[in-house]
Amino acid sequence: MVLISLLIGFSALAQDKKVLFIAGAPSHGFGNHEHLGGSKILAQTLNEAAVGVNAMVVNGWPEDESVFDDVDAIVIFSNGGPNHHPLMGRLDRFRDVMDRGVGLVNLHYAVEIPKGEAGDALLEWVGGYFETYWSVNPFWTARFEEIPEHPITNGVSPFEAHDEWYYNMRFPDNMENVTPILTDLPPPKSLVRDDGPHHNNPHVREAVLKRGEPQHVAWAYERPGGGRGFGFTGAHYHWNWGIDEFRRVVTNAIVWTAGAEVPVNGVPVKPVNVIELMEVTDDQAPNRFQYRLIQYMLDRTNNRTTGLD
């Protein structure tokens, strides 16, 4: 997979669905929260797959908001919270976009937004969000052994990934219009930190440690008024885009959210190795970075040998 340097505009066929990626700024250092690099990889995967979706990436909030006029879905991969989420201060203007039935995908930190007006908006548009003092953000290895039937899971095989999988998300009452996509029971060691806005709280301990409730870390949402949403809490680690099923479930979801038909075997996902992943990071690799260990993890998880010169 030869990665492009930048996607600067749509070149879709008339019938293609248009997807706009909004990539956030660098924040967590090399290999973490690689918003622009991850967006490029996902967009190129979609464009090369020729599945009726054409994607472009903008670095930061678009200066010309007319770009929203003819999109079918928007993917936000960025930092979140009260100070960094791209939708903060733009909710009213963005509502006009959502009211047209445009799909919305939020990846990783972009699922976190303050409780209240902003949180209610994500509930309405995506069907769930990270609520502080309710949701938590530990690192753990999730094993997705049971894959539900849904267009987003077309062609997706069981897989595992070590990531910062947020859980105990705030969902609508009775999970109305929400379909869980990736679910696992987090280990007790994911709840050993002190209580705080992101780390732990009595509500999540009751749900996981006492009641043993599996947690949904990716979900699909169909808005009653039209439009679709998808939330995905993983993708802290840039390297996980090299896991075929990890990338397939997200690209499938983007196709579905845009209103296109997901192929019966899922979006074709070409292998991407650690060197290609490193080519789109914001920061340079540190000296003596053990990239071969990352490749070993990818090969083991994908059950193949990529090989590096």
Protein backbone atom coordinates (compact mmCIF):
# COMPACT_ATOMS: atom_id res chain seq x y z
CA MET A 1 0.00 0.00 0.00
CA VAL A 2 1.73 3.18 -1.18
CA LEU A 3 0.46 6.03 0.96
CA ILE A 4 -0.36 9.36 -0.60
CA SER A 5 1.11 12.52 0.88
CA LEU A 6 -2.12 14.51 1.04
CA LEU A 7 -5.69 14.35 -0.15
CA ILE A 8 -6.77 17.82 -1.23
CA GLY A 9 -10.15 17.42 -2.87
CA PHE A 10 -12.93 15.24 -4.13
CA SER A 11 -12.63 13.50 -7.49
CA ALA A 12 -15.69 11.33 -7.17
CA LEU A 13 -17.93 9.97 -9.86
CA ALA A 14 -21.31 11.63 -9.82
CA GLN A 15 -22.93 8.67 -8.10
CA ASP A 16 -20.26 8.27 -5.40
CA LYS A 17 -20.96 9.22 -1.82
CA LYS A 18 -18.64 11.95 -0.54
CA VAL A 19 -16.87 11.57 2.80
CA LEU A 20 -14.98 14.39 4.51
CA PHE A 21 -12.34 13.60 7.15
CA ILE A 22 -11.60 16.34 9.69
CA ALA A 23 -8.19 15.54 11.20
CA GLY A 24 -7.15 17.10 14.49
CA ALA A 25 -3.76 18.50 15.44
CA PRO A 26 -0.86 16.45 16.86
CA SER A 27 -1.03 16.05 20.62
CA HIS A 28 0.27 12.79 22.12
CA GLY A 29 3.63 12.24 20.45
CA PHE A 30 4.92 9.77 17.89
CA GLY A 31 2.57 6.87 17.13
CA ASN A 32 -0.29 8.15 19.29
CA HIS A 33 -3.35 10.14 18.24
CA GLU A 34 -2.02 10.36 14.70
CA HIS A 35 -5.16 12.08 13.49
CA LEU A 36 -3.93 13.22 10.11
CA GLY A 37 -1.99 10.04 9.33
CA GLY A 38 -4.85 7.78 10.38
CA SER A 39 -7.30 9.82 8.33
CA LYS A 40 -5.06 9.55 5.26
CA ILE A 41 -4.82 5.77 5.63
CA LEU A 42 -8.58 5.35 6.00
CA ALA A 43 -9.35 7.71 3.13
CA GLN A 44 -6.92 5.98 0.81
CA THR A 45 -8.29 2.57 1.78
CA LEU A 46 -11.77 3.76 0.81
CA ASN A 47 -10.69 5.44 -2.41
CA GLU A 48 -8.64 2.46 -3.59
CA ALA A 49 -11.45 0.04 -2.74
CA ALA A 50 -13.82 1.64 -5.29
CA VAL A 51 -16.91 0.88 -3.22
CA GLY A 52 -18.95 3.93 -4.20
CA VAL A 53 -17.34 6.28 -1.70
CA ASN A 54 -14.90 9.10 -2.41
CA ALA A 55 -13.00 10.57 0.53
CA MET A 56 -10.95 13.68 1.15
CA VAL A 57 -9.02 14.85 4.21
CA VAL A 58 -8.75 18.34 5.67
CA ASN A 59 -6.16 19.15 8.32
CA GLY A 60 -8.15 20.97 10.99
CA TRP A 61 -11.55 22.59 10.69
CA PRO A 62 -12.16 23.62 7.06
CA GLU A 63 -11.71 27.34 6.48
CA ASP A 64 -14.38 27.22 3.80
CA GLU A 65 -17.41 25.56 5.37
CA SER A 66 -19.11 25.31 2.00
CA VAL A 67 -17.23 21.99 1.75
CA PHE A 68 -20.03 20.58 3.91
CA ASP A 69 -22.67 21.45 1.32
CA ASP A 70 -22.53 18.22 -0.68
CA VAL A 71 -20.98 15.68 1.69
CA ASP A 72 -22.76 12.48 2.66
CA ALA A 73 -20.70 11.74 5.79
CA ILE A 74 -18.14 13.44 8.02
CA VAL A 75 -15.44 11.63 9.99
CA ILE A 76 -13.93 13.46 12.96
CA PHE A 77 -10.62 12.05 14.24
CA SER A 78 -9.27 14.53 16.76
CA ASN A 79 -8.84 15.37 20.39
CA GLY A 80 -12.03 15.98 22.32
CA GLY A 81 -13.31 17.42 25.57
CA PRO A 82 -14.31 21.01 26.33
CA ASN A 83 -11.16 22.66 24.97
CA HIS A 84 -10.22 20.63 21.91
CA HIS A 85 -13.28 19.04 20.30
CA PRO A 86 -13.81 20.63 16.86
CA LEU A 87 -17.56 20.89 17.43
CA MET A 88 -17.25 23.07 20.52
CA GLY A 89 -18.42 26.54 19.60
CA ARG A 90 -19.79 25.25 16.29
CA LEU A 91 -22.77 23.16 17.42
CA ASP A 92 -25.44 25.47 16.03
CA ARG A 93 -23.82 25.74 12.59
CA PHE A 94 -23.10 22.02 12.52
CA ARG A 95 -26.70 21.19 13.35
CA ASP A 96 -27.67 22.56 9.95
CA VAL A 97 -25.40 19.93 8.39
CA MET A 98 -26.76 17.12 10.54
CA ASP A 99 -30.35 18.15 9.86
CA ARG A 100 -29.74 17.32 6.18
CA GLY A 101 -29.16 13.69 7.17
CA VAL A 102 -25.37 13.76 6.75
CA GLY A 103 -23.69 10.83 8.50
CA LEU A 104 -21.24 11.39 11.35
CA VAL A 105 -18.38 9.18 12.52
CA ASN A 106 -16.39 9.99 15.66
CA LEU A 107 -13.11 8.18 16.30
CA HIS A 108 -11.32 7.78 19.64
CA TYR A 109 -10.98 11.03 21.63
CA ALA A 110 -13.52 12.69 19.32
CA VAL A 111 -16.24 10.67 21.10
CA GLU A 112 -15.62 12.74 24.25
CA ILE A 113 -17.52 15.98 24.58
CA PRO A 114 -18.87 17.80 27.65
CA LYS A 115 -22.12 16.71 29.23
CA GLY A 116 -25.04 19.02 28.53
CA GLU A 117 -25.79 20.68 25.21
CA ALA A 118 -22.76 19.16 23.45
CA GLY A 119 -23.26 15.68 24.89
CA ASP A 120 -26.94 15.77 23.99
CA ALA A 121 -25.99 16.70 20.43
CA LEU A 122 -23.68 13.68 20.06
CA LEU A 123 -26.38 11.44 21.52
CA GLU A 124 -28.72 12.78 18.87
CA TRP A 125 -26.24 12.51 16.00
CA VAL A 126 -24.03 9.51 16.87
CA GLY A 127 -26.03 7.69 19.56
CA GLY A 128 -23.36 7.79 22.26
CA TYR A 129 -20.44 9.68 23.73
CA PHE A 130 -17.78 9.63 26.46
CA GLU A 131 -19.17 11.36 29.54
CA THR A 132 -16.64 12.32 32.21
CA TYR A 133 -17.18 10.81 35.68
CA TRP A 134 -19.18 8.06 33.95
CA SER A 135 -17.03 6.66 31.12
CA VAL A 136 -13.41 5.50 31.50
CA ASN A 137 -10.32 5.35 29.25
CA PRO A 138 -7.99 2.47 30.24
CA PHE A 139 -5.58 0.59 28.00
CA TRP A 140 -6.47 -3.07 27.63
CA THR A 141 -6.58 -5.87 25.09
CA ALA A 142 -10.09 -6.31 23.73
CA ARG A 143 -10.96 -9.62 22.09
CA PHE A 144 -13.92 -9.43 19.77
CA GLU A 145 -14.89 -13.07 19.48
CA GLU A 146 -18.57 -12.64 18.63
CA ILE A 147 -19.24 -10.39 15.64
CA PRO A 148 -22.90 -9.37 15.25
CA GLU A 149 -24.73 -9.32 11.93
CA HIS A 150 -24.83 -5.82 10.48
CA PRO A 151 -23.61 -4.25 7.24
CA ILE A 152 -20.72 -2.74 9.22
CA THR A 153 -19.49 -6.22 10.10
CA ASN A 154 -19.60 -7.59 6.55
CA GLY A 155 -16.43 -9.61 6.06
CA VAL A 156 -15.15 -8.85 9.56
CA SER A 157 -13.61 -11.82 11.37
CA PRO A 158 -13.01 -12.03 15.12
CA PHE A 159 -9.90 -10.11 16.13
CA GLU A 160 -8.12 -8.57 19.08
CA ALA A 161 -6.28 -5.31 19.63
CA HIS A 162 -4.49 -3.64 22.51
CA ASP A 163 -5.63 -0.04 22.65
CA GLU A 164 -7.10 2.67 24.82
CA TRP A 165 -10.61 1.33 24.50
CA TYR A 166 -12.97 3.73 26.24
CA TYR A 167 -16.05 2.12 27.75
CA ASN A 168 -19.16 2.63 29.86
CA MET A 169 -20.21 5.14 27.25
CA ARG A 170 -23.29 7.28 27.67
CA PHE A 171 -25.99 5.83 25.41
CA PRO A 172 -29.70 6.66 24.98
CA ASP A 173 -32.17 5.01 27.33
CA ASN A 174 -32.71 1.36 26.42
CA MET A 175 -30.06 1.72 23.67
CA GLU A 176 -32.80 3.04 21.41
CA ASN A 177 -31.73 2.99 17.74
CA VAL A 178 -28.21 1.88 18.77
CA THR A 179 -26.67 -1.37 17.48
CA PRO A 180 -23.54 -2.56 19.31
CA ILE A 181 -20.79 -3.50 16.83
CA LEU A 182 -17.73 -4.38 18.98
CA THR A 183 -18.25 -5.64 22.52
CA ASP A 184 -16.08 -7.27 25.17
CA LEU A 185 -15.89 -7.55 28.96
CA PRO A 186 -12.92 -5.48 30.17
CA PRO A 187 -10.58 -7.13 32.69
CA PRO A 188 -10.68 -6.06 36.34
CA LYS A 189 -7.18 -4.56 35.99
CA SER A 190 -8.69 -1.89 33.72
CA LEU A 191 -10.37 -0.42 36.81
CA VAL A 192 -7.51 -0.12 39.29
CA ARG A 193 -6.89 3.61 38.97
CA ASP A 194 -8.22 6.16 41.45
CA ASP A 195 -11.58 7.76 40.80
CA GLY A 196 -11.54 10.75 38.50
CA PRO A 197 -13.11 12.27 35.39
CA HIS A 198 -11.62 9.60 33.09
CA HIS A 199 -10.07 6.87 35.21
CA ASN A 200 -12.66 5.22 37.44
CA ASN A 201 -15.98 5.80 39.21
CA PRO A 202 -18.61 3.90 41.23
CA HIS A 203 -20.95 3.58 38.22
CA VAL A 204 -18.47 1.71 36.03
CA ARG A 205 -17.32 -0.52 38.90
CA GLU A 206 -20.91 -1.52 39.53
CA ALA A 207 -21.46 -2.33 35.86
CA VAL A 208 -18.24 -4.22 35.16
CA LEU A 209 -16.96 -5.64 38.43
CA LYS A 210 -20.26 -6.46 40.12
CA ARG A 211 -22.67 -7.12 37.27
CA GLY A 212 -20.13 -8.29 34.68
CA GLU A 213 -21.70 -6.31 31.86
CA PRO A 214 -19.84 -6.53 28.52
CA GLN A 215 -18.97 -3.09 27.19
CA HIS A 216 -19.68 -1.67 23.75
CA VAL A 217 -16.65 0.11 22.28
CA ALA A 218 -18.07 0.59 18.77
CA TRP A 219 -21.68 1.15 17.82
CA ALA A 220 -23.94 2.10 14.93
CA TYR A 221 -26.82 4.54 15.21
CA GLU A 222 -29.80 5.31 13.01
CA ARG A 223 -31.29 8.72 13.70
CA PRO A 224 -35.08 8.76 13.92
CA GLY A 225 -35.14 11.85 11.71
CA GLY A 226 -32.77 10.41 9.11
CA GLY A 227 -29.02 10.00 8.96
CA ARG A 228 -26.58 7.56 10.52
CA GLY A 229 -23.82 7.69 13.10
CA PHE A 230 -20.91 5.53 14.22
CA GLY A 231 -18.77 5.75 17.32
CA PHE A 232 -15.43 3.96 17.75
CA THR A 233 -13.44 4.34 20.94
CA GLY A 234 -10.15 2.73 19.87
CA ALA A 235 -7.37 4.18 17.66
CA HIS A 236 -5.09 5.72 20.27
CA TYR A 237 -2.28 3.61 18.80
CA HIS A 238 -1.56 4.48 15.19
CA TRP A 239 -0.16 0.98 14.57
CA ASN A 240 -3.56 -0.64 14.96
CA TRP A 241 -4.55 0.65 11.52
CA GLY A 242 -2.24 -2.12 10.33
CA ILE A 243 -4.66 -4.73 11.75
CA ASP A 244 -6.85 -5.71 8.82
CA GLU A 245 -10.08 -6.27 10.76
CA PHE A 246 -9.58 -3.13 12.86
CA ARG A 247 -9.36 -1.04 9.68
CA ARG A 248 -12.09 -3.01 7.90
CA VAL A 249 -14.72 -2.46 10.58
CA VAL A 250 -14.05 1.30 10.56
CA THR A 251 -14.04 1.65 6.77
CA ASN A 252 -17.18 -0.49 6.55
CA ALA A 253 -18.79 1.83 9.07
CA ILE A 254 -17.85 4.92 7.09
CA VAL A 255 -19.37 3.43 3.93
CA TRP A 256 -22.55 2.53 5.83
CA THR A 257 -22.75 5.92 7.53
CA ALA A 258 -22.46 7.66 4.15
CA GLY A 259 -25.44 5.68 2.90
CA ALA A 260 -23.52 3.51 0.45
CA GLU A 261 -23.77 -0.26 0.23
CA VAL A 262 -21.12 -2.16 2.17
CA PRO A 263 -19.71 -5.02 0.03
CA VAL A 264 -20.83 -8.44 1.21
CA ASN A 265 -17.22 -9.29 2.08
CA GLY A 266 -16.51 -5.88 3.50
CA VAL A 267 -14.29 -3.11 2.19
CA PRO A 268 -11.18 -4.60 0.56
CA VAL A 269 -8.27 -3.82 2.88
CA LYS A 270 -4.76 -4.00 1.49
CA PRO A 271 -1.98 -4.86 3.95
CA VAL A 272 -0.12 -1.88 5.37
CA ASN A 273 3.17 -2.43 7.18
CA VAL A 274 4.84 -0.49 9.95
CA ILE A 275 7.11 1.41 7.57
CA GLU A 276 4.10 2.70 5.64
CA LEU A 277 2.40 3.64 8.90
CA MET A 278 5.51 5.57 9.96
CA GLU A 279 5.45 7.54 6.70
CA VAL A 280 2.31 9.42 7.76
CA THR A 281 3.11 10.19 11.40
CA ASP A 282 3.32 13.83 12.48
CA ASP A 283 6.51 13.29 14.48
CA GLN A 284 9.68 11.51 13.47
CA ALA A 285 10.42 8.14 15.02
CA PRO A 286 12.67 8.31 18.06
CA ASN A 287 16.17 6.90 17.86
CA ARG A 288 16.27 3.12 18.06
CA PHE A 289 12.51 2.81 17.65
CA GLN A 290 11.72 -0.90 17.71
CA TYR A 291 9.59 -0.92 14.59
CA ARG A 292 10.18 -4.62 13.98
CA LEU A 293 8.37 -5.40 17.23
CA ILE A 294 5.35 -3.49 15.91
CA GLN A 295 5.54 -5.46 12.67
CA TYR A 296 5.73 -8.71 14.62
CA MET A 297 2.53 -7.75 16.45
CA LEU A 298 0.80 -6.92 13.17
CA ASP A 299 1.93 -10.15 11.53
CA ARG A 300 0.79 -12.23 14.49
CA THR A 301 -2.58 -10.48 14.71
CA ASN A 302 -3.18 -10.69 10.95
CA ASN A 303 -1.91 -14.28 10.85
CA ARG A 304 0.55 -13.63 8.05
CA THR A 305 4.17 -12.69 7.50
CA THR A 306 4.69 -9.35 5.84
CA GLY A 307 8.47 -9.27 6.02
CA LEU A 308 10.61 -6.14 6.09
CA ASP A 309 13.92 -5.53 4.38
